[in-house]
Amino acid sequence: MAFGNYPDVSLAMARERHAAERAVLASGVDPMAQRKAEKIAVREASENSFASVAARWLEHWQEGKSPRHVETTRCRLKSNILPTLGQRPIAEIEAPELVTMVKVIADRGARDVAKWALETTGQIFRYAFAYGHAKRNPASEIRPRDILKAARKVNYARIDAKELSDLLKQIEIYPGTHRTRLALKLMTLTFVRTSELIRARWEEFDLEAARWDLPTDRMKERRPHILPLAKQALEVLEVLRKLSGDSEWVFPAKAMSNNTILKGIERMGYKGRMTGHGFRGLGFYCLARNMPTSTSNCTGTW
């Protein structure tokens, strides 16, 4: 049995440790077997920590997900969940610990992230249960509404339907960049969310079939979405294709953001009256009432 390296462990210290282990042996316990069992226990505790199981879950979960979605989940996990639960043995974690974690996140003003953290923790526990690392899922015993205050519903600003014609004319003569004008125009023809527009990839489009297939991981309801494209939308996309060059993105990251759309709307004189999301609400309002959505012959794209 080794007692340490000289000179870190002096001869006197080695003798003391030797005497102590001989006393353990005299009591009928094999000190070498005991040390080995302790090492195994430490290793198993590490392998069954929440952080370790979460890493294995992430490796399993990421199959088929977009790199951007995987990286976002990895960063959120590292920033919001692991600081509280990471080193805890996953089988010992109880519901009150999850409640504390969620409340800490929510108190930062990040209610949506807090809700996400609870849902993701539940997925990790289901994975742990399936592979024998935990005997129950404490996250399943909690609902977000049990611990989070109800979110105030915010209606995004949008103009009245009767003002749509003037807005479309303003977009046609937009004084800003060509790409921003095309983005605004495409929003009036597709009713997609701003985030769905600015993260669009060319691989999602089938221009010959006049359709846009939005993948599950980019949709709010986590369902694949097929969007038929009007001829006016195809014309816009043809121009954007030439502008984007070899980029895989319809709108390269440095050229477009949520703020770009909002500032473009404000530049046309609609500050406080219209938002990027407002196009979506306005479009559905018009469709529900069978109203024209363009000054051209387009009466909707759905």
C-alpha atoms as a PDB file:
ATOM      1  CA  MET A   1       0.000   0.000   0.000  1.00  0.00           C
ATOM      2  CA  ALA A   2       1.369   3.405  -0.992  1.00  0.00           C
ATOM      3  CA  PHE A   3       1.115   6.249   1.518  1.00  0.00           C
ATOM      4  CA  GLY A   4       2.323   9.126  -0.683  1.00  0.00           C
ATOM      5  CA  ASN A   5       5.446  10.464  -2.343  1.00  0.00           C
ATOM      6  CA  TYR A   6       8.566  11.628  -0.540  1.00  0.00           C
ATOM      7  CA  PRO A   7       9.279  14.411   0.408  1.00  0.00           C
ATOM      8  CA  ASP A   8       5.607  15.473   0.423  1.00  0.00           C
ATOM      9  CA  VAL A   9       5.029  12.610   2.843  1.00  0.00           C
ATOM     10  CA  SER A  10       7.775  12.381   5.433  1.00  0.00           C
ATOM     11  CA  LEU A  11       9.024   9.131   6.946  1.00  0.00           C
ATOM     12  CA  ALA A  12       7.215   9.946  10.200  1.00  0.00           C
ATOM     13  CA  MET A  13       3.916  10.568   8.363  1.00  0.00           C
ATOM     14  CA  ALA A  14       4.314   7.328   6.438  1.00  0.00           C
ATOM     15  CA  ARG A  15       4.835   5.432   9.694  1.00  0.00           C
ATOM     16  CA  GLU A  16       1.701   6.978  11.193  1.00  0.00           C
ATOM     17  CA  ARG A  17      -0.397   6.048   8.157  1.00  0.00           C
ATOM     18  CA  HIS A  18       1.101   2.548   8.131  1.00  0.00           C
ATOM     19  CA  ALA A  19       0.159   2.045  11.784  1.00  0.00           C
ATOM     20  CA  ALA A  20      -3.380   3.292  11.160  1.00  0.00           C
ATOM     21  CA  GLU A  21      -3.911   0.905   8.242  1.00  0.00           C
ATOM     22  CA  ARG A  22      -2.509  -2.045  10.220  1.00  0.00           C
ATOM     23  CA  ALA A  23      -5.078  -1.250  12.908  1.00  0.00           C
ATOM     24  CA  VAL A  24      -7.832  -1.348  10.240  1.00  0.00           C
ATOM     25  CA  LEU A  25      -6.500  -4.681   8.997  1.00  0.00           C
ATOM     26  CA  ALA A  26      -6.440  -6.044  12.547  1.00  0.00           C
ATOM     27  CA  SER A  27     -10.156  -5.187  12.867  1.00  0.00           C
ATOM     28  CA  GLY A  28     -10.909  -7.598  10.011  1.00  0.00           C
ATOM     29  CA  VAL A  29     -11.249  -5.028   7.206  1.00  0.00           C
ATOM     30  CA  ASP A  30      -8.936  -5.122   4.187  1.00  0.00           C
ATOM     31  CA  PRO A  31      -7.696  -1.496   3.844  1.00  0.00           C
ATOM     32  CA  MET A  32      -6.767  -1.997   0.174  1.00  0.00           C
ATOM     33  CA  ALA A  33     -10.260  -3.278  -0.647  1.00  0.00           C
ATOM     34  CA  GLN A  34     -11.725  -0.376   1.316  1.00  0.00           C
ATOM     35  CA  ARG A  35      -9.659   2.154  -0.627  1.00  0.00           C
ATOM     36  CA  LYS A  36     -10.679   0.577  -3.924  1.00  0.00           C
ATOM     37  CA  ALA A  37     -14.359   0.674  -2.925  1.00  0.00           C
ATOM     38  CA  GLU A  38     -14.038   4.367  -2.047  1.00  0.00           C
ATOM     39  CA  LYS A  39     -12.504   5.136  -5.464  1.00  0.00           C
ATOM     40  CA  ILE A  40     -15.296   3.251  -7.208  1.00  0.00           C
ATOM     41  CA  ALA A  41     -17.896   5.160  -5.179  1.00  0.00           C
ATOM     42  CA  VAL A  42     -16.306   8.497  -6.131  1.00  0.00           C
ATOM     43  CA  ARG A  43     -16.189   7.502  -9.818  1.00  0.00           C
ATOM     44  CA  GLU A  44     -19.797   6.335  -9.821  1.00  0.00           C
ATOM     45  CA  ALA A  45     -20.889   9.527  -8.089  1.00  0.00           C
ATOM     46  CA  SER A  46     -19.149  11.533 -10.793  1.00  0.00           C
ATOM     47  CA  GLU A  47     -20.697   9.462 -13.584  1.00  0.00           C
ATOM     48  CA  ASN A  48     -24.147   9.850 -12.038  1.00  0.00           C
ATOM     49  CA  SER A  49     -23.931  13.561 -11.351  1.00  0.00           C
ATOM     50  CA  PHE A  50     -26.559  15.694 -13.038  1.00  0.00           C
ATOM     51  CA  ALA A  51     -23.880  17.326 -15.217  1.00  0.00           C
ATOM     52  CA  SER A  52     -22.573  13.971 -16.436  1.00  0.00           C
ATOM     53  CA  VAL A  53     -26.025  12.618 -17.259  1.00  0.00           C
ATOM     54  CA  ALA A  54     -26.978  15.938 -18.889  1.00  0.00           C
ATOM     55  CA  ALA A  55     -23.943  15.680 -21.178  1.00  0.00           C
ATOM     56  CA  ARG A  56     -25.009  12.197 -22.281  1.00  0.00           C
ATOM     57  CA  TRP A  57     -28.591  13.383 -22.784  1.00  0.00           C
ATOM     58  CA  LEU A  58     -27.395  16.278 -24.937  1.00  0.00           C
ATOM     59  CA  GLU A  59     -25.339  13.925 -27.076  1.00  0.00           C
ATOM     60  CA  HIS A  60     -28.423  11.762 -27.610  1.00  0.00           C
ATOM     61  CA  TRP A  61     -30.896  14.642 -28.033  1.00  0.00           C
ATOM     62  CA  GLN A  62     -28.921  16.639 -30.589  1.00  0.00           C
ATOM     63  CA  GLU A  63     -29.328  14.041 -33.332  1.00  0.00           C
ATOM     64  CA  GLY A  64     -31.193  15.680 -36.199  1.00  0.00           C
ATOM     65  CA  LYS A  65     -31.172  19.158 -34.616  1.00  0.00           C
ATOM     66  CA  SER A  66     -29.641  22.195 -36.290  1.00  0.00           C
ATOM     67  CA  PRO A  67     -26.155  23.230 -35.050  1.00  0.00           C
ATOM     68  CA  ARG A  68     -27.542  26.609 -33.982  1.00  0.00           C
ATOM     69  CA  HIS A  69     -30.283  24.994 -31.884  1.00  0.00           C
ATOM     70  CA  VAL A  70     -27.820  22.571 -30.287  1.00  0.00           C
ATOM     71  CA  GLU A  71     -25.385  25.345 -29.390  1.00  0.00           C
ATOM     72  CA  THR A  72     -28.153  27.503 -27.928  1.00  0.00           C
ATOM     73  CA  THR A  73     -29.325  24.581 -25.777  1.00  0.00           C
ATOM     74  CA  ARG A  74     -25.772  23.805 -24.674  1.00  0.00           C
ATOM     75  CA  CYS A  75     -25.146  27.411 -23.619  1.00  0.00           C
ATOM     76  CA  ARG A  76     -28.475  27.707 -21.801  1.00  0.00           C
ATOM     77  CA  LEU A  77     -27.825  24.438 -19.987  1.00  0.00           C
ATOM     78  CA  LYS A  78     -24.374  25.606 -18.902  1.00  0.00           C
ATOM     79  CA  SER A  79     -25.561  29.052 -17.799  1.00  0.00           C
ATOM     80  CA  ASN A  80     -28.907  28.309 -16.176  1.00  0.00           C
ATOM     81  CA  ILE A  81     -29.134  24.688 -14.975  1.00  0.00           C
ATOM     82  CA  LEU A  82     -25.679  23.285 -14.264  1.00  0.00           C
ATOM     83  CA  PRO A  83     -24.608  25.988 -11.766  1.00  0.00           C
ATOM     84  CA  THR A  84     -27.412  24.795  -9.460  1.00  0.00           C
ATOM     85  CA  LEU A  85     -27.718  21.071 -10.185  1.00  0.00           C
ATOM     86  CA  GLY A  86     -24.530  20.097 -11.994  1.00  0.00           C
ATOM     87  CA  GLN A  87     -22.551  18.497  -9.166  1.00  0.00           C
ATOM     88  CA  ARG A  88     -25.525  16.913  -7.432  1.00  0.00           C
ATOM     89  CA  PRO A  89     -26.069  13.135  -7.791  1.00  0.00           C
ATOM     90  CA  ILE A  90     -29.054  13.039 -10.114  1.00  0.00           C
ATOM     91  CA  ALA A  91     -30.809  10.332  -8.079  1.00  0.00           C
ATOM     92  CA  GLU A  92     -30.796  12.562  -4.971  1.00  0.00           C
ATOM     93  CA  ILE A  93     -32.290  15.694  -6.534  1.00  0.00           C
ATOM     94  CA  GLU A  94     -35.767  16.565  -5.258  1.00  0.00           C
ATOM     95  CA  ALA A  95     -38.510  18.838  -6.554  1.00  0.00           C
ATOM     96  CA  PRO A  96     -37.757  21.765  -4.153  1.00  0.00           C
ATOM     97  CA  GLU A  97     -34.290  22.078  -5.695  1.00  0.00           C
ATOM     98  CA  LEU A  98     -35.853  22.472  -9.125  1.00  0.00           C
ATOM     99  CA  VAL A  99     -38.252  25.082  -7.764  1.00  0.00           C
ATOM    100  CA  THR A 100     -35.322  27.068  -6.356  1.00  0.00           C
ATOM    101  CA  MET A 101     -33.489  26.885  -9.680  1.00  0.00           C
ATOM    102  CA  VAL A 102     -36.518  28.053 -11.659  1.00  0.00           C
ATOM    103  CA  LYS A 103     -37.246  30.941  -9.290  1.00  0.00           C
ATOM    104  CA  VAL A 104     -33.643  32.170  -9.411  1.00  0.00           C
ATOM    105  CA  ILE A 105     -33.838  32.329 -13.204  1.00  0.00           C
ATOM    106  CA  ALA A 106     -37.270  33.957 -13.186  1.00  0.00           C
ATOM    107  CA  ASP A 107     -36.109  36.585 -10.678  1.00  0.00           C
ATOM    108  CA  ARG A 108     -33.609  37.750 -13.306  1.00  0.00           C
ATOM    109  CA  GLY A 109     -36.573  38.662 -15.467  1.00  0.00           C
ATOM    110  CA  ALA A 110     -36.061  35.636 -17.707  1.00  0.00           C
ATOM    111  CA  ARG A 111     -39.428  33.915 -17.302  1.00  0.00           C
ATOM    112  CA  ASP A 112     -39.246  32.109 -20.658  1.00  0.00           C
ATOM    113  CA  VAL A 113     -35.778  30.776 -19.855  1.00  0.00           C
ATOM    114  CA  ALA A 114     -37.032  29.612 -16.441  1.00  0.00           C
ATOM    115  CA  LYS A 115     -39.859  27.702 -18.118  1.00  0.00           C
ATOM    116  CA  TRP A 116     -37.403  26.233 -20.623  1.00  0.00           C
ATOM    117  CA  ALA A 117     -35.064  25.175 -17.795  1.00  0.00           C
ATOM    118  CA  LEU A 118     -37.829  23.210 -16.067  1.00  0.00           C
ATOM    119  CA  GLU A 119     -38.877  21.503 -19.296  1.00  0.00           C
ATOM    120  CA  THR A 120     -35.295  20.620 -20.229  1.00  0.00           C
ATOM    121  CA  THR A 121     -34.547  19.331 -16.743  1.00  0.00           C
ATOM    122  CA  GLY A 122     -37.565  17.051 -17.120  1.00  0.00           C
ATOM    123  CA  GLN A 123     -36.174  15.675 -20.387  1.00  0.00           C
ATOM    124  CA  ILE A 124     -32.832  14.965 -18.718  1.00  0.00           C
ATOM    125  CA  PHE A 125     -34.551  13.148 -15.854  1.00  0.00           C
ATOM    126  CA  ARG A 126     -36.559  11.034 -18.310  1.00  0.00           C
ATOM    127  CA  TYR A 127     -33.287  10.065 -19.976  1.00  0.00           C
ATOM    128  CA  ALA A 128     -31.756   9.263 -16.577  1.00  0.00           C
ATOM    129  CA  PHE A 129     -34.766   7.133 -15.650  1.00  0.00           C
ATOM    130  CA  ALA A 130     -34.561   5.211 -18.923  1.00  0.00           C
ATOM    131  CA  TYR A 131     -30.904   4.323 -18.314  1.00  0.00           C
ATOM    132  CA  GLY A 132     -31.180   3.547 -14.625  1.00  0.00           C
ATOM    133  CA  HIS A 133     -29.503   6.677 -13.251  1.00  0.00           C
ATOM    134  CA  ALA A 134     -32.639   7.870 -11.452  1.00  0.00           C
ATOM    135  CA  LYS A 135     -35.761   6.169 -10.107  1.00  0.00           C
ATOM    136  CA  ARG A 136     -38.126   9.073 -10.664  1.00  0.00           C
ATOM    137  CA  ASN A 137     -38.541  12.389 -12.442  1.00  0.00           C
ATOM    138  CA  PRO A 138     -39.142  15.175  -9.890  1.00  0.00           C
ATOM    139  CA  ALA A 139     -39.679  17.678 -12.718  1.00  0.00           C
ATOM    140  CA  SER A 140     -42.845  15.824 -13.716  1.00  0.00           C
ATOM    141  CA  GLU A 141     -44.358  16.757 -10.344  1.00  0.00           C
ATOM    142  CA  ILE A 142     -44.132  20.490 -11.113  1.00  0.00           C
ATOM    143  CA  ARG A 143     -45.903  22.712 -13.610  1.00  0.00           C
ATOM    144  CA  PRO A 144     -44.560  26.156 -14.558  1.00  0.00           C
ATOM    145  CA  ARG A 145     -47.799  27.780 -13.399  1.00  0.00           C
ATOM    146  CA  ASP A 146     -47.210  26.323  -9.913  1.00  0.00           C
ATOM    147  CA  ILE A 147     -44.151  28.510  -9.349  1.00  0.00           C
ATOM    148  CA  LEU A 148     -44.095  31.192 -12.041  1.00  0.00           C
ATOM    149  CA  LYS A 149     -46.301  34.252 -12.182  1.00  0.00           C
ATOM    150  CA  ALA A 150     -48.601  34.410 -15.173  1.00  0.00           C
ATOM    151  CA  ALA A 151     -47.002  36.244 -18.066  1.00  0.00           C
ATOM    152  CA  ARG A 152     -48.668  39.410 -19.190  1.00  0.00           C
ATOM    153  CA  LYS A 153     -49.927  39.073 -22.721  1.00  0.00           C
ATOM    154  CA  VAL A 154     -48.329  41.661 -24.959  1.00  0.00           C
ATOM    155  CA  ASN A 155     -49.942  42.502 -28.246  1.00  0.00           C
ATOM    156  CA  TYR A 156     -47.365  43.639 -30.769  1.00  0.00           C
ATOM    157  CA  ALA A 157     -48.123  47.014 -32.272  1.00  0.00           C
ATOM    158  CA  ARG A 158     -49.625  46.928 -35.738  1.00  0.00           C
ATOM    159  CA  ILE A 159     -51.472  49.347 -37.950  1.00  0.00           C
ATOM    160  CA  ASP A 160     -55.121  49.046 -38.937  1.00  0.00           C
ATOM    161  CA  ALA A 161     -55.939  47.039 -42.046  1.00  0.00           C
ATOM    162  CA  LYS A 162     -57.037  50.204 -43.859  1.00  0.00           C
ATOM    163  CA  GLU A 163     -53.481  51.570 -43.505  1.00  0.00           C
ATOM    164  CA  LEU A 164     -51.866  48.523 -45.114  1.00  0.00           C
ATOM    165  CA  SER A 165     -51.987  49.904 -48.641  1.00  0.00           C
ATOM    166  CA  ASP A 166     -50.009  52.997 -47.626  1.00  0.00           C
ATOM    167  CA  LEU A 167     -47.459  50.861 -45.762  1.00  0.00           C
ATOM    168  CA  LEU A 168     -46.895  48.669 -48.832  1.00  0.00           C
ATOM    169  CA  LYS A 169     -46.322  51.775 -50.944  1.00  0.00           C
ATOM    170  CA  GLN A 170     -43.821  53.061 -48.385  1.00  0.00           C
ATOM    171  CA  ILE A 171     -41.948  49.750 -48.531  1.00  0.00           C
ATOM    172  CA  GLU A 172     -41.661  50.038 -52.324  1.00  0.00           C
ATOM    173  CA  ILE A 173     -39.906  53.412 -51.996  1.00  0.00           C
ATOM    174  CA  TYR A 174     -38.012  52.550 -48.788  1.00  0.00           C
ATOM    175  CA  PRO A 175     -34.921  54.815 -48.633  1.00  0.00           C
ATOM    176  CA  GLY A 176     -32.706  52.352 -46.772  1.00  0.00           C
ATOM    177  CA  THR A 177     -30.738  49.338 -47.994  1.00  0.00           C
ATOM    178  CA  HIS A 178     -32.079  47.169 -50.779  1.00  0.00           C
ATOM    179  CA  ARG A 179     -31.880  44.021 -48.617  1.00  0.00           C
ATOM    180  CA  THR A 180     -33.939  45.566 -45.805  1.00  0.00           C
ATOM    181  CA  ARG A 181     -36.614  46.674 -48.258  1.00  0.00           C
ATOM    182  CA  LEU A 182     -36.812  43.143 -49.657  1.00  0.00           C
ATOM    183  CA  ALA A 183     -37.040  41.679 -46.147  1.00  0.00           C
ATOM    184  CA  LEU A 184     -39.951  43.969 -45.296  1.00  0.00           C
ATOM    185  CA  LYS A 185     -41.649  43.093 -48.563  1.00  0.00           C
ATOM    186  CA  LEU A 186     -41.182  39.361 -47.998  1.00  0.00           C
ATOM    187  CA  MET A 187     -42.772  39.666 -44.545  1.00  0.00           C
ATOM    188  CA  THR A 188     -45.921  41.135 -46.107  1.00  0.00           C
ATOM    189  CA  LEU A 189     -46.111  38.131 -48.441  1.00  0.00           C
ATOM    190  CA  THR A 190     -45.434  35.308 -45.997  1.00  0.00           C
ATOM    191  CA  PHE A 191     -46.621  36.421 -42.509  1.00  0.00           C
ATOM    192  CA  VAL A 192     -43.679  34.631 -40.858  1.00  0.00           C
ATOM    193  CA  ARG A 193     -42.189  35.742 -37.553  1.00  0.00           C
ATOM    194  CA  THR A 194     -39.166  38.031 -37.734  1.00  0.00           C
ATOM    195  CA  SER A 195     -36.885  35.358 -36.255  1.00  0.00           C
ATOM    196  CA  GLU A 196     -38.066  32.836 -38.855  1.00  0.00           C
ATOM    197  CA  LEU A 197     -37.332  35.281 -41.653  1.00  0.00           C
ATOM    198  CA  ILE A 198     -33.856  36.408 -40.663  1.00  0.00           C
ATOM    199  CA  ARG A 199     -32.660  32.840 -39.943  1.00  0.00           C
ATOM    200  CA  ALA A 200     -33.931  31.399 -43.220  1.00  0.00           C
ATOM    201  CA  ARG A 201     -31.542  29.161 -45.178  1.00  0.00           C
ATOM    202  CA  TRP A 202     -31.684  28.579 -48.906  1.00  0.00           C
ATOM    203  CA  GLU A 203     -31.918  24.833 -48.340  1.00  0.00           C
ATOM    204  CA  GLU A 204     -35.424  25.396 -46.901  1.00  0.00           C
ATOM    205  CA  PHE A 205     -36.779  26.734 -50.195  1.00  0.00           C
ATOM    206  CA  ASP A 206     -38.043  24.857 -53.236  1.00  0.00           C
ATOM    207  CA  LEU A 207     -38.520  27.735 -55.652  1.00  0.00           C
ATOM    208  CA  GLU A 208     -39.675  25.495 -58.493  1.00  0.00           C
ATOM    209  CA  ALA A 209     -42.457  24.093 -56.328  1.00  0.00           C
ATOM    210  CA  ALA A 210     -43.092  27.584 -54.872  1.00  0.00           C
ATOM    211  CA  ARG A 211     -42.842  26.464 -51.237  1.00  0.00           C
ATOM    212  CA  TRP A 212     -40.889  27.222 -48.100  1.00  0.00           C
ATOM    213  CA  ASP A 213     -40.400  24.340 -45.647  1.00  0.00           C
ATOM    214  CA  LEU A 214     -39.613  25.746 -42.213  1.00  0.00           C
ATOM    215  CA  PRO A 215     -37.954  23.097 -40.010  1.00  0.00           C
ATOM    216  CA  THR A 216     -39.384  22.005 -36.676  1.00  0.00           C
ATOM    217  CA  ASP A 217     -36.600  23.487 -34.541  1.00  0.00           C
ATOM    218  CA  ARG A 218     -37.318  27.001 -35.837  1.00  0.00           C
ATOM    219  CA  MET A 219     -41.067  26.911 -35.275  1.00  0.00           C
ATOM    220  CA  LYS A 220     -42.691  28.116 -32.063  1.00  0.00           C
ATOM    221  CA  GLU A 221     -44.973  25.072 -31.836  1.00  0.00           C
ATOM    222  CA  ARG A 222     -42.116  22.690 -32.744  1.00  0.00           C
ATOM    223  CA  ARG A 223     -43.971  21.419 -35.789  1.00  0.00           C
ATOM    224  CA  PRO A 224     -42.732  21.451 -39.409  1.00  0.00           C
ATOM    225  CA  HIS A 225     -44.398  24.189 -41.428  1.00  0.00           C
ATOM    226  CA  ILE A 226     -44.989  24.295 -45.190  1.00  0.00           C
ATOM    227  CA  LEU A 227     -45.573  27.759 -46.594  1.00  0.00           C
ATOM    228  CA  PRO A 228     -46.796  28.162 -50.217  1.00  0.00           C
ATOM    229  CA  LEU A 229     -45.152  31.115 -51.945  1.00  0.00           C
ATOM    230  CA  ALA A 230     -46.956  33.649 -54.106  1.00  0.00           C
ATOM    231  CA  LYS A 231     -45.325  34.718 -57.376  1.00  0.00           C
ATOM    232  CA  GLN A 232     -44.464  38.084 -55.791  1.00  0.00           C
ATOM    233  CA  ALA A 233     -42.590  36.265 -52.993  1.00  0.00           C
ATOM    234  CA  LEU A 234     -40.681  34.217 -55.586  1.00  0.00           C
ATOM    235  CA  GLU A 235     -39.656  37.417 -57.360  1.00  0.00           C
ATOM    236  CA  VAL A 236     -38.292  38.828 -54.086  1.00  0.00           C
ATOM    237  CA  LEU A 237     -36.403  35.615 -53.377  1.00  0.00           C
ATOM    238  CA  GLU A 238     -34.823  35.618 -56.834  1.00  0.00           C
ATOM    239  CA  VAL A 239     -33.331  39.041 -56.138  1.00  0.00           C
ATOM    240  CA  LEU A 240     -32.195  38.005 -52.642  1.00  0.00           C
ATOM    241  CA  ARG A 241     -30.532  34.947 -54.134  1.00  0.00           C
ATOM    242  CA  LYS A 242     -28.328  37.175 -56.259  1.00  0.00           C
ATOM    243  CA  LEU A 243     -27.535  39.414 -53.287  1.00  0.00           C
ATOM    244  CA  SER A 244     -26.594  36.557 -50.952  1.00  0.00           C
ATOM    245  CA  GLY A 245     -24.061  35.059 -53.357  1.00  0.00           C
ATOM    246  CA  ASP A 246     -22.588  31.827 -51.962  1.00  0.00           C
ATOM    247  CA  SER A 247     -24.031  32.319 -48.464  1.00  0.00           C
ATOM    248  CA  GLU A 248     -26.214  29.543 -47.063  1.00  0.00           C
ATOM    249  CA  TRP A 249     -28.329  32.251 -45.431  1.00  0.00           C
ATOM    250  CA  VAL A 250     -31.008  34.263 -47.206  1.00  0.00           C
ATOM    251  CA  PHE A 251     -30.020  37.170 -44.956  1.00  0.00           C
ATOM    252  CA  PRO A 252     -26.374  36.950 -43.804  1.00  0.00           C
ATOM    253  CA  ALA A 253     -26.042  37.538 -40.048  1.00  0.00           C
ATOM    254  CA  LYS A 254     -24.142  40.843 -40.356  1.00  0.00           C
ATOM    255  CA  ALA A 255     -26.787  42.261 -42.695  1.00  0.00           C
ATOM    256  CA  MET A 256     -30.004  41.473 -40.834  1.00  0.00           C
ATOM    257  CA  SER A 257     -31.372  41.258 -37.288  1.00  0.00           C
ATOM    258  CA  ASN A 258     -34.629  41.818 -35.423  1.00  0.00           C
ATOM    259  CA  ASN A 259     -33.517  45.378 -34.850  1.00  0.00           C
ATOM    260  CA  THR A 260     -32.910  45.913 -38.573  1.00  0.00           C
ATOM    261  CA  ILE A 261     -36.559  45.217 -39.336  1.00  0.00           C
ATOM    262  CA  LEU A 262     -37.793  47.402 -36.484  1.00  0.00           C
ATOM    263  CA  LYS A 263     -35.538  50.312 -37.423  1.00  0.00           C
ATOM    264  CA  GLY A 264     -36.639  50.005 -41.038  1.00  0.00           C
ATOM    265  CA  ILE A 265     -40.277  50.315 -39.984  1.00  0.00           C
ATOM    266  CA  GLU A 266     -39.466  53.301 -37.796  1.00  0.00           C
ATOM    267  CA  ARG A 267     -37.588  54.932 -40.661  1.00  0.00           C
ATOM    268  CA  MET A 268     -40.779  54.857 -42.726  1.00  0.00           C
ATOM    269  CA  GLY A 269     -42.595  56.768 -39.980  1.00  0.00           C
ATOM    270  CA  TYR A 270     -44.357  53.915 -38.163  1.00  0.00           C
ATOM    271  CA  LYS A 271     -42.503  54.032 -34.829  1.00  0.00           C
ATOM    272  CA  GLY A 272     -44.748  52.752 -32.031  1.00  0.00           C
ATOM    273  CA  ARG A 273     -47.470  51.844 -34.536  1.00  0.00           C
ATOM    274  CA  MET A 274     -45.982  48.811 -36.292  1.00  0.00           C
ATOM    275  CA  THR A 275     -43.498  46.024 -35.574  1.00  0.00           C
ATOM    276  CA  GLY A 276     -42.052  43.108 -37.490  1.00  0.00           C
ATOM    277  CA  HIS A 277     -44.450  40.743 -35.738  1.00  0.00           C
ATOM    278  CA  GLY A 278     -47.242  43.117 -36.636  1.00  0.00           C
ATOM    279  CA  PHE A 279     -47.095  41.918 -40.254  1.00  0.00           C
ATOM    280  CA  ARG A 280     -48.085  38.461 -39.041  1.00  0.00           C
ATOM    281  CA  GLY A 281     -51.072  39.670 -37.051  1.00  0.00           C
ATOM    282  CA  LEU A 282     -52.162  41.992 -39.809  1.00  0.00           C
ATOM    283  CA  GLY A 283     -51.882  39.264 -42.427  1.00  0.00           C
ATOM    284  CA  PHE A 284     -54.037  36.822 -40.492  1.00  0.00           C
ATOM    285  CA  TYR A 285     -56.559  39.582 -39.805  1.00  0.00           C
ATOM    286  CA  CYS A 286     -56.880  40.251 -43.536  1.00  0.00           C
ATOM    287  CA  LEU A 287     -57.099  36.585 -44.456  1.00  0.00           C
ATOM    288  CA  ALA A 288     -59.795  35.943 -41.890  1.00  0.00           C
ATOM    289  CA  ARG A 289     -61.867  38.620 -43.533  1.00  0.00           C
ATOM    290  CA  ASN A 290     -60.869  37.753 -47.116  1.00  0.00           C
ATOM    291  CA  MET A 291     -59.308  41.181 -47.570  1.00  0.00           C
ATOM    292  CA  PRO A 292     -56.546  41.953 -50.101  1.00  0.00           C
ATOM    293  CA  THR A 293     -53.076  41.968 -48.543  1.00  0.00           C
ATOM    294  CA  SER A 294     -51.280  43.793 -51.340  1.00  0.00           C
ATOM    295  CA  THR A 295     -51.832  46.674 -53.757  1.00  0.00           C
ATOM    296  CA  SER A 296     -51.014  44.225 -56.535  1.00  0.00           C
ATOM    297  CA  ASN A 297     -53.219  41.248 -57.373  1.00  0.00           C
ATOM    298  CA  CYS A 298     -51.979  39.179 -54.404  1.00  0.00           C
ATOM    299  CA  THR A 299     -54.775  38.253 -52.018  1.00  0.00           C
ATOM    300  CA  GLY A 300     -52.680  36.183 -49.636  1.00  0.00           C
ATOM    301  CA  THR A 301     -50.194  33.341 -49.792  1.00  0.00           C
ATOM    302  CA  TRP A 302     -51.848  30.703 -47.548  1.00  0.00           C
END
